[in-house]
């Protein structure tokens, strides 16, 4: 398969990710303005929250495999900034894979900071590509960071696609819902809160006192 065909496919995935990010952004604005999401959007938000960690895992896996393809198959040498982005993206495959299996929504506390750093590096790298004259140095002479290896749809390069991947992972992880959010309401008989325990104990003591204070009938 030609390299141009594969990179076009990656670019189409990036455009799809941009559409998802735009929908999420519009939904957030609607919720902010009206105070609540419309019923169809609320249902979609709930459904997305149950699978968002799995989707985030596949986004990270796609970005990882894509970067390996570009360097090992297409033979595009990664620059220093590319390596920094890889360092922040590759661990997400393991982190999000384990979190998806465990349905661990708390993964946001140690996944999102990494992807946000990666997003910042991607934006900086993209700006170097677009405006190479604005920086005094560009990585090293052999593999300058300003080299544009892929350019699709007049705006997508490798760091741009990486940045979109980082942004989508951050959004999906933040949308993830803990298992309890999707579960049923606890049965009243399962209530073990301190208040219920104290009330039950008080009721038991009251019944015991009533039993002791009731006089026995005389014969």
C-alpha atoms as a PDB file:
ATOM      1  CA  UNK A   1       0.000   0.000   0.000  1.00  0.00           C
ATOM      2  CA  UNK A   2       1.329   3.417  -0.947  1.00  0.00           C
ATOM      3  CA  UNK A   3       2.497   5.765   1.786  1.00  0.00           C
ATOM      4  CA  UNK A   4       0.330   8.546   0.387  1.00  0.00           C
ATOM      5  CA  UNK A   5      -2.773   6.361   0.692  1.00  0.00           C
ATOM      6  CA  UNK A   6      -1.999   5.488   4.317  1.00  0.00           C
ATOM      7  CA  UNK A   7      -1.291   9.076   5.305  1.00  0.00           C
ATOM      8  CA  UNK A   8      -4.533  10.162   3.635  1.00  0.00           C
ATOM      9  CA  UNK A   9      -6.363   7.577   5.731  1.00  0.00           C
ATOM     10  CA  UNK A  10      -4.717   8.968   8.878  1.00  0.00           C
ATOM     11  CA  UNK A  11      -5.756  12.466   7.811  1.00  0.00           C
ATOM     12  CA  UNK A  12      -9.367  11.344   7.358  1.00  0.00           C
ATOM     13  CA  UNK A  13      -9.320   9.891  10.870  1.00  0.00           C
ATOM     14  CA  UNK A  14      -8.027  13.237  12.130  1.00  0.00           C
ATOM     15  CA  UNK A  15     -10.885  15.052  10.370  1.00  0.00           C
ATOM     16  CA  UNK A  16     -13.376  12.646  11.972  1.00  0.00           C
ATOM     17  CA  UNK A  17     -11.789  13.353  15.356  1.00  0.00           C
ATOM     18  CA  UNK A  18     -12.147  17.083  14.732  1.00  0.00           C
ATOM     19  CA  UNK A  19     -15.850  16.606  14.034  1.00  0.00           C
ATOM     20  CA  UNK A  20     -16.253  14.724  17.324  1.00  0.00           C
ATOM     21  CA  UNK A  21     -14.396  17.467  19.194  1.00  0.00           C
ATOM     22  CA  UNK A  22     -16.602  20.108  17.550  1.00  0.00           C
ATOM     23  CA  UNK A  23     -19.785  18.264  18.566  1.00  0.00           C
ATOM     24  CA  UNK A  24     -18.552  17.955  22.133  1.00  0.00           C
ATOM     25  CA  UNK A  25     -17.657  21.657  22.210  1.00  0.00           C
ATOM     26  CA  UNK A  26     -21.092  22.695  20.885  1.00  0.00           C
ATOM     27  CA  UNK A  27     -22.808  20.422  23.410  1.00  0.00           C
ATOM     28  CA  UNK A  28     -20.778  21.990  26.221  1.00  0.00           C
ATOM     29  CA  UNK A  29     -21.822  25.470  25.088  1.00  0.00           C
ATOM     30  CA  UNK A  30     -25.480  24.435  24.941  1.00  0.00           C
ATOM     31  CA  UNK A  31     -25.282  22.951  28.425  1.00  0.00           C
ATOM     32  CA  UNK A  32     -23.562  26.104  29.695  1.00  0.00           C
ATOM     33  CA  UNK A  33     -26.127  28.472  28.193  1.00  0.00           C
ATOM     34  CA  UNK A  34     -29.333  26.533  28.877  1.00  0.00           C
ATOM     35  CA  UNK A  35     -28.223  24.912  32.117  1.00  0.00           C
ATOM     36  CA  UNK A  36     -28.885  21.393  30.852  1.00  0.00           C
ATOM     37  CA  UNK A  37     -28.473  19.265  27.747  1.00  0.00           C
ATOM     38  CA  UNK A  38     -31.469  18.423  25.552  1.00  0.00           C
ATOM     39  CA  UNK A  39     -32.735  14.902  26.122  1.00  0.00           C
ATOM     40  CA  UNK A  40     -31.180  13.356  22.963  1.00  0.00           C
ATOM     41  CA  UNK A  41     -27.785  14.922  23.721  1.00  0.00           C
ATOM     42  CA  UNK A  42     -28.019  13.880  27.370  1.00  0.00           C
ATOM     43  CA  UNK A  43     -28.700  10.276  26.363  1.00  0.00           C
ATOM     44  CA  UNK A  44     -25.803  10.373  23.891  1.00  0.00           C
ATOM     45  CA  UNK A  45     -23.558  11.836  26.610  1.00  0.00           C
ATOM     46  CA  UNK A  46     -24.484   9.023  28.987  1.00  0.00           C
ATOM     47  CA  UNK A  47     -23.932   6.347  26.353  1.00  0.00           C
ATOM     48  CA  UNK A  48     -20.584   7.850  25.343  1.00  0.00           C
ATOM     49  CA  UNK A  49     -19.460   7.988  28.963  1.00  0.00           C
ATOM     50  CA  UNK A  50     -19.777   4.204  29.261  1.00  0.00           C
ATOM     51  CA  UNK A  51     -17.460   3.469  26.317  1.00  0.00           C
ATOM     52  CA  UNK A  52     -15.241   6.547  26.270  1.00  0.00           C
ATOM     53  CA  UNK A  53     -12.272   4.816  27.913  1.00  0.00           C
ATOM     54  CA  UNK A  54     -12.367   2.082  25.287  1.00  0.00           C
ATOM     55  CA  UNK A  55     -12.520   4.701  22.542  1.00  0.00           C
ATOM     56  CA  UNK A  56      -9.648   6.629  24.128  1.00  0.00           C
ATOM     57  CA  UNK A  57      -7.594   3.428  24.192  1.00  0.00           C
ATOM     58  CA  UNK A  58      -8.162   2.870  20.461  1.00  0.00           C
ATOM     59  CA  UNK A  59      -7.283   6.491  19.703  1.00  0.00           C
ATOM     60  CA  UNK A  60      -3.980   6.088  21.566  1.00  0.00           C
ATOM     61  CA  UNK A  61      -3.337   2.750  19.839  1.00  0.00           C
ATOM     62  CA  UNK A  62      -4.028   4.266  16.409  1.00  0.00           C
ATOM     63  CA  UNK A  63      -1.699   7.190  17.095  1.00  0.00           C
ATOM     64  CA  UNK A  64       1.028   4.845  18.310  1.00  0.00           C
ATOM     65  CA  UNK A  65       0.783   2.469  15.355  1.00  0.00           C
ATOM     66  CA  UNK A  66       0.554   5.422  12.980  1.00  0.00           C
ATOM     67  CA  UNK A  67       3.743   6.985  14.298  1.00  0.00           C
ATOM     68  CA  UNK A  68       5.563   3.654  14.048  1.00  0.00           C
ATOM     69  CA  UNK A  69       4.370   3.256  10.478  1.00  0.00           C
ATOM     70  CA  UNK A  70       5.619   6.713   9.527  1.00  0.00           C
ATOM     71  CA  UNK A  71       9.094   6.092  10.953  1.00  0.00           C
ATOM     72  CA  UNK A  72       9.596   2.379  10.297  1.00  0.00           C
ATOM     73  CA  UNK A  73       7.717   1.859   7.016  1.00  0.00           C
ATOM     74  CA  UNK A  74       7.489   5.295   5.410  1.00  0.00           C
ATOM     75  CA  UNK A  75      11.003   6.031   6.706  1.00  0.00           C
ATOM     76  CA  UNK A  76      10.208   9.542   7.921  1.00  0.00           C
ATOM     77  CA  UNK A  77      12.878  10.220  10.581  1.00  0.00           C
ATOM     78  CA  UNK A  78      11.313  11.542  13.802  1.00  0.00           C
ATOM     79  CA  UNK A  79      12.723  14.799  15.119  1.00  0.00           C
ATOM     80  CA  UNK A  80      13.292  15.623  18.780  1.00  0.00           C
ATOM     81  CA  UNK A  81       9.784  17.055  19.224  1.00  0.00           C
ATOM     82  CA  UNK A  82       8.351  13.939  17.594  1.00  0.00           C
ATOM     83  CA  UNK A  83      10.121  11.821  20.197  1.00  0.00           C
ATOM     84  CA  UNK A  84       8.758  13.959  23.029  1.00  0.00           C
ATOM     85  CA  UNK A  85       5.239  13.437  21.705  1.00  0.00           C
ATOM     86  CA  UNK A  86       5.862   9.711  21.386  1.00  0.00           C
ATOM     87  CA  UNK A  87       7.078   9.539  24.976  1.00  0.00           C
ATOM     88  CA  UNK A  88       3.775  11.039  26.092  1.00  0.00           C
ATOM     89  CA  UNK A  89       1.545   9.047  23.708  1.00  0.00           C
ATOM     90  CA  UNK A  90       2.916   5.501  23.856  1.00  0.00           C
ATOM     91  CA  UNK A  91       2.258   4.936  27.592  1.00  0.00           C
ATOM     92  CA  UNK A  92      -1.381   5.908  27.027  1.00  0.00           C
ATOM     93  CA  UNK A  93      -1.952   2.586  25.279  1.00  0.00           C
ATOM     94  CA  UNK A  94      -1.124   0.691  28.464  1.00  0.00           C
ATOM     95  CA  UNK A  95      -2.666   3.208  30.873  1.00  0.00           C
ATOM     96  CA  UNK A  96      -5.951   3.487  29.005  1.00  0.00           C
ATOM     97  CA  UNK A  97      -6.045  -0.220  28.186  1.00  0.00           C
ATOM     98  CA  UNK A  98      -5.904  -1.139  31.867  1.00  0.00           C
ATOM     99  CA  UNK A  99      -8.351   1.642  32.776  1.00  0.00           C
ATOM    100  CA  UNK A 100     -10.810   0.451  30.124  1.00  0.00           C
ATOM    101  CA  UNK A 101     -10.675  -3.114  31.459  1.00  0.00           C
ATOM    102  CA  UNK A 102     -11.217  -1.915  35.026  1.00  0.00           C
ATOM    103  CA  UNK A 103     -13.644   0.853  34.031  1.00  0.00           C
ATOM    104  CA  UNK A 104     -11.491   3.157  36.116  1.00  0.00           C
ATOM    105  CA  UNK A 105     -12.694   6.723  35.540  1.00  0.00           C
ATOM    106  CA  UNK A 106     -10.056   8.006  37.959  1.00  0.00           C
ATOM    107  CA  UNK A 107      -7.504   7.449  35.190  1.00  0.00           C
ATOM    108  CA  UNK A 108      -8.143  11.074  34.251  1.00  0.00           C
ATOM    109  CA  UNK A 109      -5.878  12.195  37.096  1.00  0.00           C
ATOM    110  CA  UNK A 110      -2.775  10.581  35.602  1.00  0.00           C
ATOM    111  CA  UNK A 111      -3.695  10.385  31.899  1.00  0.00           C
ATOM    112  CA  UNK A 112      -5.028  13.856  31.123  1.00  0.00           C
ATOM    113  CA  UNK A 113      -1.943  15.748  32.427  1.00  0.00           C
ATOM    114  CA  UNK A 114       0.289  13.719  30.109  1.00  0.00           C
ATOM    115  CA  UNK A 115      -1.879  14.219  27.035  1.00  0.00           C
ATOM    116  CA  UNK A 116      -2.221  17.942  27.721  1.00  0.00           C
ATOM    117  CA  UNK A 117       1.562  18.255  27.797  1.00  0.00           C
ATOM    118  CA  UNK A 118       1.680  16.302  24.559  1.00  0.00           C
ATOM    119  CA  UNK A 119      -0.949  18.612  23.048  1.00  0.00           C
ATOM    120  CA  UNK A 120       1.136  21.665  23.918  1.00  0.00           C
ATOM    121  CA  UNK A 121       4.213  20.112  22.289  1.00  0.00           C
ATOM    122  CA  UNK A 122       2.183  19.256  19.182  1.00  0.00           C
ATOM    123  CA  UNK A 123       0.913  22.824  18.888  1.00  0.00           C
ATOM    124  CA  UNK A 124       4.452  24.170  19.272  1.00  0.00           C
ATOM    125  CA  UNK A 125       5.740  21.708  16.686  1.00  0.00           C
ATOM    126  CA  UNK A 126       2.975  22.690  14.257  1.00  0.00           C
ATOM    127  CA  UNK A 127       3.823  26.377  14.679  1.00  0.00           C
ATOM    128  CA  UNK A 128       7.486  25.630  13.938  1.00  0.00           C
ATOM    129  CA  UNK A 129       6.391  23.906  10.728  1.00  0.00           C
ATOM    130  CA  UNK A 130       4.188  26.810   9.699  1.00  0.00           C
ATOM    131  CA  UNK A 131       6.514  29.614  10.786  1.00  0.00           C
ATOM    132  CA  UNK A 132      10.072  28.241  10.741  1.00  0.00           C
ATOM    133  CA  UNK A 133      11.593  31.718  10.583  1.00  0.00           C
ATOM    134  CA  UNK A 134      10.196  32.641  13.984  1.00  0.00           C
ATOM    135  CA  UNK A 135      12.498  30.255  15.897  1.00  0.00           C
ATOM    136  CA  UNK A 136      16.256  30.537  16.268  1.00  0.00           C
ATOM    137  CA  UNK A 137      16.819  26.791  16.296  1.00  0.00           C
ATOM    138  CA  UNK A 138      14.902  23.778  15.044  1.00  0.00           C
ATOM    139  CA  UNK A 139      15.977  20.578  16.800  1.00  0.00           C
ATOM    140  CA  UNK A 140      19.131  19.492  14.957  1.00  0.00           C
ATOM    141  CA  UNK A 141      20.580  19.942  11.501  1.00  0.00           C
ATOM    142  CA  UNK A 142      20.083  16.317  10.453  1.00  0.00           C
ATOM    143  CA  UNK A 143      16.394  16.125  11.406  1.00  0.00           C
ATOM    144  CA  UNK A 144      14.974  19.638  11.693  1.00  0.00           C
ATOM    145  CA  UNK A 145      11.596  19.998  13.381  1.00  0.00           C
ATOM    146  CA  UNK A 146      10.446  22.349  10.630  1.00  0.00           C
ATOM    147  CA  UNK A 147      10.456  19.611   7.971  1.00  0.00           C
ATOM    148  CA  UNK A 148       6.922  18.842   6.758  1.00  0.00           C
ATOM    149  CA  UNK A 149       6.744  15.162   5.829  1.00  0.00           C
ATOM    150  CA  UNK A 150       2.948  14.987   5.464  1.00  0.00           C
ATOM    151  CA  UNK A 151       0.570  17.731   4.352  1.00  0.00           C
ATOM    152  CA  UNK A 152      -3.092  16.843   3.831  1.00  0.00           C
ATOM    153  CA  UNK A 153      -6.177  18.955   3.156  1.00  0.00           C
ATOM    154  CA  UNK A 154      -4.071  22.115   3.335  1.00  0.00           C
ATOM    155  CA  UNK A 155      -3.825  22.065   7.133  1.00  0.00           C
ATOM    156  CA  UNK A 156      -2.950  18.606   8.455  1.00  0.00           C
ATOM    157  CA  UNK A 157       0.638  17.608   9.159  1.00  0.00           C
ATOM    158  CA  UNK A 158       2.035  14.916  11.448  1.00  0.00           C
ATOM    159  CA  UNK A 159       2.142  17.112  14.602  1.00  0.00           C
ATOM    160  CA  UNK A 160      -1.331  18.436  13.781  1.00  0.00           C
ATOM    161  CA  UNK A 161      -2.734  14.903  13.644  1.00  0.00           C
ATOM    162  CA  UNK A 162      -0.867  14.040  16.847  1.00  0.00           C
ATOM    163  CA  UNK A 163      -2.294  17.102  18.578  1.00  0.00           C
ATOM    164  CA  UNK A 164      -5.818  16.166  17.512  1.00  0.00           C
ATOM    165  CA  UNK A 165      -5.222  12.692  18.920  1.00  0.00           C
ATOM    166  CA  UNK A 166      -4.043  14.125  22.244  1.00  0.00           C
ATOM    167  CA  UNK A 167      -7.075  16.436  22.415  1.00  0.00           C
ATOM    168  CA  UNK A 168      -9.542  13.636  21.638  1.00  0.00           C
ATOM    169  CA  UNK A 169      -8.015  11.370  24.282  1.00  0.00           C
ATOM    170  CA  UNK A 170      -8.298  14.131  26.890  1.00  0.00           C
ATOM    171  CA  UNK A 171     -11.965  14.759  26.035  1.00  0.00           C
ATOM    172  CA  UNK A 172     -12.897  11.070  26.023  1.00  0.00           C
ATOM    173  CA  UNK A 173     -11.173  10.423  29.334  1.00  0.00           C
ATOM    174  CA  UNK A 174     -12.907  13.415  30.939  1.00  0.00           C
ATOM    175  CA  UNK A 175     -16.263  12.146  29.648  1.00  0.00           C
ATOM    176  CA  UNK A 176     -15.747   8.701  31.173  1.00  0.00           C
ATOM    177  CA  UNK A 177     -18.280   7.746  33.811  1.00  0.00           C
ATOM    178  CA  UNK A 178     -17.555   5.534  36.835  1.00  0.00           C
ATOM    179  CA  UNK A 179     -19.428   2.209  36.960  1.00  0.00           C
ATOM    180  CA  UNK A 180     -21.618   3.446  39.824  1.00  0.00           C
ATOM    181  CA  UNK A 181     -23.030   6.159  37.585  1.00  0.00           C
ATOM    182  CA  UNK A 182     -24.514   3.552  35.277  1.00  0.00           C
ATOM    183  CA  UNK A 183     -25.679   1.137  37.969  1.00  0.00           C
ATOM    184  CA  UNK A 184     -29.062   0.850  39.571  1.00  0.00           C
ATOM    185  CA  UNK A 185     -30.074   2.588  42.736  1.00  0.00           C
ATOM    186  CA  UNK A 186     -29.065   0.661  45.862  1.00  0.00           C
ATOM    187  CA  UNK A 187     -31.863  -1.337  47.420  1.00  0.00           C
ATOM    188  CA  UNK A 188     -33.147   0.117  50.705  1.00  0.00           C
ATOM    189  CA  UNK A 189     -32.258  -3.130  52.457  1.00  0.00           C
ATOM    190  CA  UNK A 190     -28.649  -2.636  51.404  1.00  0.00           C
ATOM    191  CA  UNK A 191     -28.379   0.742  53.115  1.00  0.00           C
ATOM    192  CA  UNK A 192     -25.494   0.514  55.568  1.00  0.00           C
ATOM    193  CA  UNK A 193     -24.962   4.217  56.181  1.00  0.00           C
ATOM    194  CA  UNK A 194     -24.194   5.274  59.767  1.00  0.00           C
ATOM    195  CA  UNK A 195     -27.569   7.017  60.003  1.00  0.00           C
ATOM    196  CA  UNK A 196     -29.504   3.899  59.017  1.00  0.00           C
ATOM    197  CA  UNK A 197     -27.435   1.710  61.341  1.00  0.00           C
ATOM    198  CA  UNK A 198     -28.047   4.083  64.248  1.00  0.00           C
ATOM    199  CA  UNK A 199     -31.790   4.226  63.497  1.00  0.00           C
ATOM    200  CA  UNK A 200     -32.050   0.440  63.309  1.00  0.00           C
ATOM    201  CA  UNK A 201     -30.166   0.058  66.584  1.00  0.00           C
ATOM    202  CA  UNK A 202     -32.411   2.619  68.278  1.00  0.00           C
ATOM    203  CA  UNK A 203     -35.522   0.840  67.018  1.00  0.00           C
ATOM    204  CA  UNK A 204     -34.203  -2.471  68.336  1.00  0.00           C
ATOM    205  CA  UNK A 205     -33.438  -0.932  71.746  1.00  0.00           C
ATOM    206  CA  UNK A 206     -36.920   0.591  71.890  1.00  0.00           C
ATOM    207  CA  UNK A 207     -38.585  -2.742  71.116  1.00  0.00           C
ATOM    208  CA  UNK A 208     -36.432  -4.445  73.739  1.00  0.00           C
ATOM    209  CA  UNK A 209     -37.369  -1.841  76.352  1.00  0.00           C
ATOM    210  CA  UNK A 210     -41.065  -2.209  75.541  1.00  0.00           C
ATOM    211  CA  UNK A 211     -40.816  -5.961  75.924  1.00  0.00           C
ATOM    212  CA  UNK A 212     -39.141  -5.670  79.323  1.00  0.00           C
ATOM    213  CA  UNK A 213     -41.561  -3.051  80.591  1.00  0.00           C
ATOM    214  CA  UNK A 214     -44.733  -4.979  79.622  1.00  0.00           C
ATOM    215  CA  UNK A 215     -46.114  -6.609  82.852  1.00  0.00           C
ATOM    216  CA  UNK A 216     -46.973 -10.257  82.790  1.00  0.00           C
ATOM    217  CA  UNK A 217     -50.672 -11.044  83.270  1.00  0.00           C
ATOM    218  CA  UNK A 218     -51.634 -12.312  86.747  1.00  0.00           C
ATOM    219  CA  UNK A 219     -53.280 -15.691  87.050  1.00  0.00           C
END
